[in-house]
Amino acid sequence: MPTIKELIDALEAEINNGGFDQFFFNSAGDYTEETIQALVKIGANHTAHIVKKAASKFPNGMPPKDRDARQELLDEVSPESDAFEEIDEEFLAYEDNLSSLVSCYEG
């Protein structure tokens, strides 16, 4: 299981590079629930809400942990790779200072 810092670093790297489509497509998406929990733990509640909103586009409100199953569903959820554009913009506004919150949490 990745650390809080590893989860949040992976989230940021994927979204900064290719948005939530890329986050869910790649292995970082295996840990969507854990990433949301990590965000809440460090006090990044706004960002946690954004990730929950993106995850809610999947059936049952959360993408499958299994990467193959998730990629298959992603083709239905975002066939043109544009279903998350508005949510990507919300995330990229960085209302939570993630690096500072991670540093404070880790002490």
C-alpha atoms as a PDB file:
ATOM      1  CA  MET A   1       0.000   0.000   0.000  1.00  0.00           C
ATOM      2  CA  PRO A   2       1.452   3.375  -1.008  1.00  0.00           C
ATOM      3  CA  THR A   3       2.027   6.100   1.585  1.00  0.00           C
ATOM      4  CA  ILE A   4      -0.130   9.227   1.749  1.00  0.00           C
ATOM      5  CA  LYS A   5       2.617  11.176  -0.004  1.00  0.00           C
ATOM      6  CA  GLU A   6       2.943   8.539  -2.744  1.00  0.00           C
ATOM      7  CA  LEU A   7      -0.829   8.492  -3.321  1.00  0.00           C
ATOM      8  CA  ILE A   8      -1.081  12.267  -3.578  1.00  0.00           C
ATOM      9  CA  ASP A   9       2.080  12.577  -5.701  1.00  0.00           C
ATOM     10  CA  ALA A  10       0.675   9.985  -8.129  1.00  0.00           C
ATOM     11  CA  LEU A  11      -2.688  11.795  -8.262  1.00  0.00           C
ATOM     12  CA  GLU A  12      -1.009  15.109  -9.045  1.00  0.00           C
ATOM     13  CA  ALA A  13       1.381  13.625 -11.602  1.00  0.00           C
ATOM     14  CA  GLU A  14      -1.380  11.857 -13.526  1.00  0.00           C
ATOM     15  CA  ILE A  15      -3.825  14.761 -13.519  1.00  0.00           C
ATOM     16  CA  ASN A  16      -1.180  17.338 -14.397  1.00  0.00           C
ATOM     17  CA  ASN A  17      -0.078  15.137 -17.286  1.00  0.00           C
ATOM     18  CA  GLY A  18      -3.391  13.892 -18.687  1.00  0.00           C
ATOM     19  CA  GLY A  19      -6.279  14.636 -16.350  1.00  0.00           C
ATOM     20  CA  PHE A  20      -8.583  12.209 -14.597  1.00  0.00           C
ATOM     21  CA  ASP A  21      -8.772  10.105 -17.768  1.00  0.00           C
ATOM     22  CA  GLN A  22      -5.081   9.334 -17.334  1.00  0.00           C
ATOM     23  CA  PHE A  23      -5.378   8.884 -13.548  1.00  0.00           C
ATOM     24  CA  PHE A  24      -8.097   6.257 -13.957  1.00  0.00           C
ATOM     25  CA  PHE A  25      -6.393   4.604 -16.941  1.00  0.00           C
ATOM     26  CA  ASN A  26      -3.085   4.088 -15.142  1.00  0.00           C
ATOM     27  CA  SER A  27      -2.182   2.171 -11.992  1.00  0.00           C
ATOM     28  CA  ALA A  28      -2.723   5.237  -9.760  1.00  0.00           C
ATOM     29  CA  GLY A  29      -6.456   4.642 -10.310  1.00  0.00           C
ATOM     30  CA  ASP A  30      -6.125   1.308  -8.476  1.00  0.00           C
ATOM     31  CA  TYR A  31      -6.003   3.390  -5.299  1.00  0.00           C
ATOM     32  CA  THR A  32      -8.839   5.856  -5.912  1.00  0.00           C
ATOM     33  CA  GLU A  33     -10.557   5.182  -2.566  1.00  0.00           C
ATOM     34  CA  GLU A  34      -7.273   5.273  -0.670  1.00  0.00           C
ATOM     35  CA  THR A  35      -6.325   8.523  -2.420  1.00  0.00           C
ATOM     36  CA  ILE A  36      -9.609  10.127  -1.334  1.00  0.00           C
ATOM     37  CA  GLN A  37      -9.006   8.925   2.237  1.00  0.00           C
ATOM     38  CA  ALA A  38      -5.440  10.308   2.131  1.00  0.00           C
ATOM     39  CA  LEU A  39      -6.715  13.696   0.968  1.00  0.00           C
ATOM     40  CA  VAL A  40      -9.221  13.809   3.831  1.00  0.00           C
ATOM     41  CA  LYS A  41      -6.526  12.793   6.350  1.00  0.00           C
ATOM     42  CA  ILE A  42      -4.290  15.705   5.394  1.00  0.00           C
ATOM     43  CA  GLY A  43      -7.214  18.157   5.353  1.00  0.00           C
ATOM     44  CA  ALA A  44      -7.489  18.552   1.571  1.00  0.00           C
ATOM     45  CA  ASN A  45     -11.269  18.260   1.698  1.00  0.00           C
ATOM     46  CA  HIS A  46     -11.911  20.338  -1.419  1.00  0.00           C
ATOM     47  CA  THR A  47      -9.598  18.139  -3.484  1.00  0.00           C
ATOM     48  CA  ALA A  48     -11.107  14.985  -1.945  1.00  0.00           C
ATOM     49  CA  HIS A  49     -14.523  16.226  -3.099  1.00  0.00           C
ATOM     50  CA  ILE A  50     -13.185  16.732  -6.640  1.00  0.00           C
ATOM     51  CA  VAL A  51     -11.756  13.200  -6.787  1.00  0.00           C
ATOM     52  CA  LYS A  52     -15.052  11.803  -5.432  1.00  0.00           C
ATOM     53  CA  LYS A  53     -16.917  13.730  -8.135  1.00  0.00           C
ATOM     54  CA  ALA A  54     -14.688  12.225 -10.833  1.00  0.00           C
ATOM     55  CA  ALA A  55     -15.044   8.724  -9.339  1.00  0.00           C
ATOM     56  CA  SER A  56     -18.831   9.114  -9.217  1.00  0.00           C
ATOM     57  CA  LYS A  57     -18.981   8.982 -13.018  1.00  0.00           C
ATOM     58  CA  PHE A  58     -18.336   5.233 -12.733  1.00  0.00           C
ATOM     59  CA  PRO A  59     -21.130   2.766 -11.953  1.00  0.00           C
ATOM     60  CA  ASN A  60     -21.507   2.353  -8.178  1.00  0.00           C
ATOM     61  CA  GLY A  61     -19.747   5.699  -7.684  1.00  0.00           C
ATOM     62  CA  MET A  62     -16.231   4.283  -7.677  1.00  0.00           C
ATOM     63  CA  PRO A  63     -13.985   2.853 -10.391  1.00  0.00           C
ATOM     64  CA  PRO A  64     -12.993  -0.803 -10.086  1.00  0.00           C
ATOM     65  CA  LYS A  65      -9.649  -1.536  -8.421  1.00  0.00           C
ATOM     66  CA  ASP A  66      -8.861  -3.940 -11.251  1.00  0.00           C
ATOM     67  CA  ARG A  67      -7.082  -1.944 -13.932  1.00  0.00           C
ATOM     68  CA  ASP A  68      -8.422  -3.924 -16.901  1.00  0.00           C
ATOM     69  CA  ALA A  69     -12.016  -3.637 -15.686  1.00  0.00           C
ATOM     70  CA  ARG A  70     -11.512   0.065 -14.962  1.00  0.00           C
ATOM     71  CA  GLN A  71     -10.053   0.731 -18.412  1.00  0.00           C
ATOM     72  CA  GLU A  72     -12.970  -1.055 -20.027  1.00  0.00           C
ATOM     73  CA  LEU A  73     -15.465   1.064 -18.084  1.00  0.00           C
ATOM     74  CA  LEU A  74     -13.446   4.201 -18.787  1.00  0.00           C
ATOM     75  CA  ASP A  75     -14.118   3.659 -22.485  1.00  0.00           C
ATOM     76  CA  GLU A  76     -17.847   3.866 -21.683  1.00  0.00           C
ATOM     77  CA  VAL A  77     -17.596   6.686 -19.129  1.00  0.00           C
ATOM     78  CA  SER A  78     -15.320   8.864 -21.260  1.00  0.00           C
ATOM     79  CA  PRO A  79     -15.345   7.543 -24.847  1.00  0.00           C
ATOM     80  CA  GLU A  80     -13.844  10.742 -26.276  1.00  0.00           C
ATOM     81  CA  SER A  81     -11.534  11.257 -23.274  1.00  0.00           C
ATOM     82  CA  ASP A  82     -13.397  14.437 -22.436  1.00  0.00           C
ATOM     83  CA  ALA A  83     -15.831  13.434 -19.679  1.00  0.00           C
ATOM     84  CA  PHE A  84     -13.598  14.848 -16.951  1.00  0.00           C
ATOM     85  CA  GLU A  85     -12.550  18.162 -18.520  1.00  0.00           C
ATOM     86  CA  GLU A  86     -14.476  20.392 -16.097  1.00  0.00           C
ATOM     87  CA  ILE A  87     -13.366  18.306 -13.120  1.00  0.00           C
ATOM     88  CA  ASP A  88      -9.758  18.474 -14.354  1.00  0.00           C
ATOM     89  CA  GLU A  89     -10.018  22.279 -14.369  1.00  0.00           C
ATOM     90  CA  GLU A  90     -11.402  22.263 -10.820  1.00  0.00           C
ATOM     91  CA  PHE A  91      -8.498  20.109  -9.655  1.00  0.00           C
ATOM     92  CA  LEU A  92      -5.914  22.245 -11.475  1.00  0.00           C
ATOM     93  CA  ALA A  93      -7.180  25.364  -9.677  1.00  0.00           C
ATOM     94  CA  TYR A  94      -5.423  23.873  -6.606  1.00  0.00           C
ATOM     95  CA  GLU A  95      -7.671  25.304  -3.900  1.00  0.00           C
ATOM     96  CA  ASP A  96      -5.842  23.033  -1.437  1.00  0.00           C
ATOM     97  CA  ASN A  97      -2.072  23.428  -1.154  1.00  0.00           C
ATOM     98  CA  LEU A  98      -1.347  19.719  -1.380  1.00  0.00           C
ATOM     99  CA  SER A  99       2.423  19.823  -0.885  1.00  0.00           C
ATOM    100  CA  SER A 100       2.095  22.019   2.193  1.00  0.00           C
ATOM    101  CA  LEU A 101      -0.684  19.836   3.640  1.00  0.00           C
ATOM    102  CA  VAL A 102       1.350  16.667   3.039  1.00  0.00           C
ATOM    103  CA  SER A 103       4.399  18.253   4.702  1.00  0.00           C
ATOM    104  CA  CYS A 104       2.378  19.351   7.727  1.00  0.00           C
ATOM    105  CA  TYR A 105       0.762  15.932   8.039  1.00  0.00           C
ATOM    106  CA  GLU A 106       4.075  14.102   7.857  1.00  0.00           C
ATOM    107  CA  GLY A 107       5.461  16.517  10.450  1.00  0.00           C
END
